[in-house]
Amino acid sequence: MRPGILADGGEVWLIKVEDGVAFVQMLGACGGCPASNYTLKGAIETIVRADVPEIREVVEI
């Protein structure tokens, strides 16, 4: 997922994990992109939850 985000001029940083929620910051082209919520929920959250079952949600801050 990350190589695709980088290729589009964006970046995603993990800020913290608290009570099963991963807080991320969308930067670069992703920061103002109207599709960033789809990228966050439809792709990033899906992949993270599949790989790390303890994470129940990914939220942008």
C-alpha atoms as a PDB file:
ATOM      1  CA  MET A   1       0.000   0.000   0.000  1.00  0.00           C
ATOM      2  CA  ARG A   2       2.690   2.482   0.992  1.00  0.00           C
ATOM      3  CA  PRO A   3       4.576   2.359  -2.352  1.00  0.00           C
ATOM      4  CA  GLY A   4       1.364   3.349  -4.130  1.00  0.00           C
ATOM      5  CA  ILE A   5       0.772   6.228  -1.741  1.00  0.00           C
ATOM      6  CA  LEU A   6       4.363   7.429  -2.173  1.00  0.00           C
ATOM      7  CA  ALA A   7       4.069   7.158  -5.968  1.00  0.00           C
ATOM      8  CA  ASP A   8       1.080   9.501  -5.851  1.00  0.00           C
ATOM      9  CA  GLY A   9       3.012  12.079  -3.811  1.00  0.00           C
ATOM     10  CA  GLY A  10       1.503  11.190  -0.458  1.00  0.00           C
ATOM     11  CA  GLU A  11       2.689   9.770   2.824  1.00  0.00           C
ATOM     12  CA  VAL A  12       1.110   8.149   5.869  1.00  0.00           C
ATOM     13  CA  TRP A  13       2.687   8.268   9.318  1.00  0.00           C
ATOM     14  CA  LEU A  14       1.672   6.191  12.300  1.00  0.00           C
ATOM     15  CA  ILE A  15       1.369   8.620  15.210  1.00  0.00           C
ATOM     16  CA  LYS A  16       0.241   6.320  18.019  1.00  0.00           C
ATOM     17  CA  VAL A  17      -1.730   3.208  18.900  1.00  0.00           C
ATOM     18  CA  GLU A  18      -4.132   3.441  21.811  1.00  0.00           C
ATOM     19  CA  ASP A  19      -6.835   1.004  22.945  1.00  0.00           C
ATOM     20  CA  GLY A  20      -6.861  -0.884  19.645  1.00  0.00           C
ATOM     21  CA  VAL A  21      -7.001   2.258  17.515  1.00  0.00           C
ATOM     22  CA  ALA A  22      -4.120   3.267  15.226  1.00  0.00           C
ATOM     23  CA  PHE A  23      -3.898   7.025  14.735  1.00  0.00           C
ATOM     24  CA  VAL A  24      -2.254   8.086  11.477  1.00  0.00           C
ATOM     25  CA  GLN A  25      -1.482  11.343   9.743  1.00  0.00           C
ATOM     26  CA  MET A  26      -1.982  11.670   5.990  1.00  0.00           C
ATOM     27  CA  LEU A  27       0.630  13.970   4.446  1.00  0.00           C
ATOM     28  CA  GLY A  28       1.592  15.376   1.075  1.00  0.00           C
ATOM     29  CA  ALA A  29      -0.899  14.779  -1.708  1.00  0.00           C
ATOM     30  CA  CYS A  30      -2.940  12.549   0.639  1.00  0.00           C
ATOM     31  CA  GLY A  31      -3.439  15.391   3.103  1.00  0.00           C
ATOM     32  CA  GLY A  32      -5.916  17.264   0.936  1.00  0.00           C
ATOM     33  CA  CYS A  33      -7.081  14.551  -1.425  1.00  0.00           C
ATOM     34  CA  PRO A  34     -10.844  14.008  -1.549  1.00  0.00           C
ATOM     35  CA  ALA A  35     -10.227  10.246  -1.867  1.00  0.00           C
ATOM     36  CA  SER A  36      -8.038  10.059   1.252  1.00  0.00           C
ATOM     37  CA  ASN A  37     -10.893   8.726   3.408  1.00  0.00           C
ATOM     38  CA  TYR A  38     -11.416   5.864   0.959  1.00  0.00           C
ATOM     39  CA  THR A  39      -7.673   5.181   0.981  1.00  0.00           C
ATOM     40  CA  LEU A  40      -7.662   5.241   4.776  1.00  0.00           C
ATOM     41  CA  LYS A  41     -10.747   3.103   5.434  1.00  0.00           C
ATOM     42  CA  GLY A  42     -10.930   1.045   2.254  1.00  0.00           C
ATOM     43  CA  ALA A  43      -7.275   0.126   1.948  1.00  0.00           C
ATOM     44  CA  ILE A  44      -5.022   1.051   4.878  1.00  0.00           C
ATOM     45  CA  GLU A  45      -7.454  -0.003   7.620  1.00  0.00           C
ATOM     46  CA  THR A  46      -8.308  -3.245   5.820  1.00  0.00           C
ATOM     47  CA  ILE A  47      -4.656  -4.223   5.416  1.00  0.00           C
ATOM     48  CA  VAL A  48      -3.660  -3.214   8.952  1.00  0.00           C
ATOM     49  CA  ARG A  49      -6.579  -5.076  10.547  1.00  0.00           C
ATOM     50  CA  ALA A  50      -5.769  -8.217   8.530  1.00  0.00           C
ATOM     51  CA  ASP A  51      -2.107  -8.134   9.563  1.00  0.00           C
ATOM     52  CA  VAL A  52      -2.570  -6.894  13.154  1.00  0.00           C
ATOM     53  CA  PRO A  53      -5.810  -8.272  14.626  1.00  0.00           C
ATOM     54  CA  GLU A  54      -5.368  -6.222  17.804  1.00  0.00           C
ATOM     55  CA  ILE A  55      -6.057  -3.076  15.754  1.00  0.00           C
ATOM     56  CA  ARG A  56      -9.812  -2.587  15.370  1.00  0.00           C
ATOM     57  CA  GLU A  57      -9.764   0.815  13.657  1.00  0.00           C
ATOM     58  CA  VAL A  58      -7.463   3.273  11.873  1.00  0.00           C
ATOM     59  CA  VAL A  59      -8.240   6.959  12.395  1.00  0.00           C
ATOM     60  CA  GLU A  60      -6.725  10.048  10.785  1.00  0.00           C
ATOM     61  CA  ILE A  61      -5.625  12.860  13.078  1.00  0.00           C
END
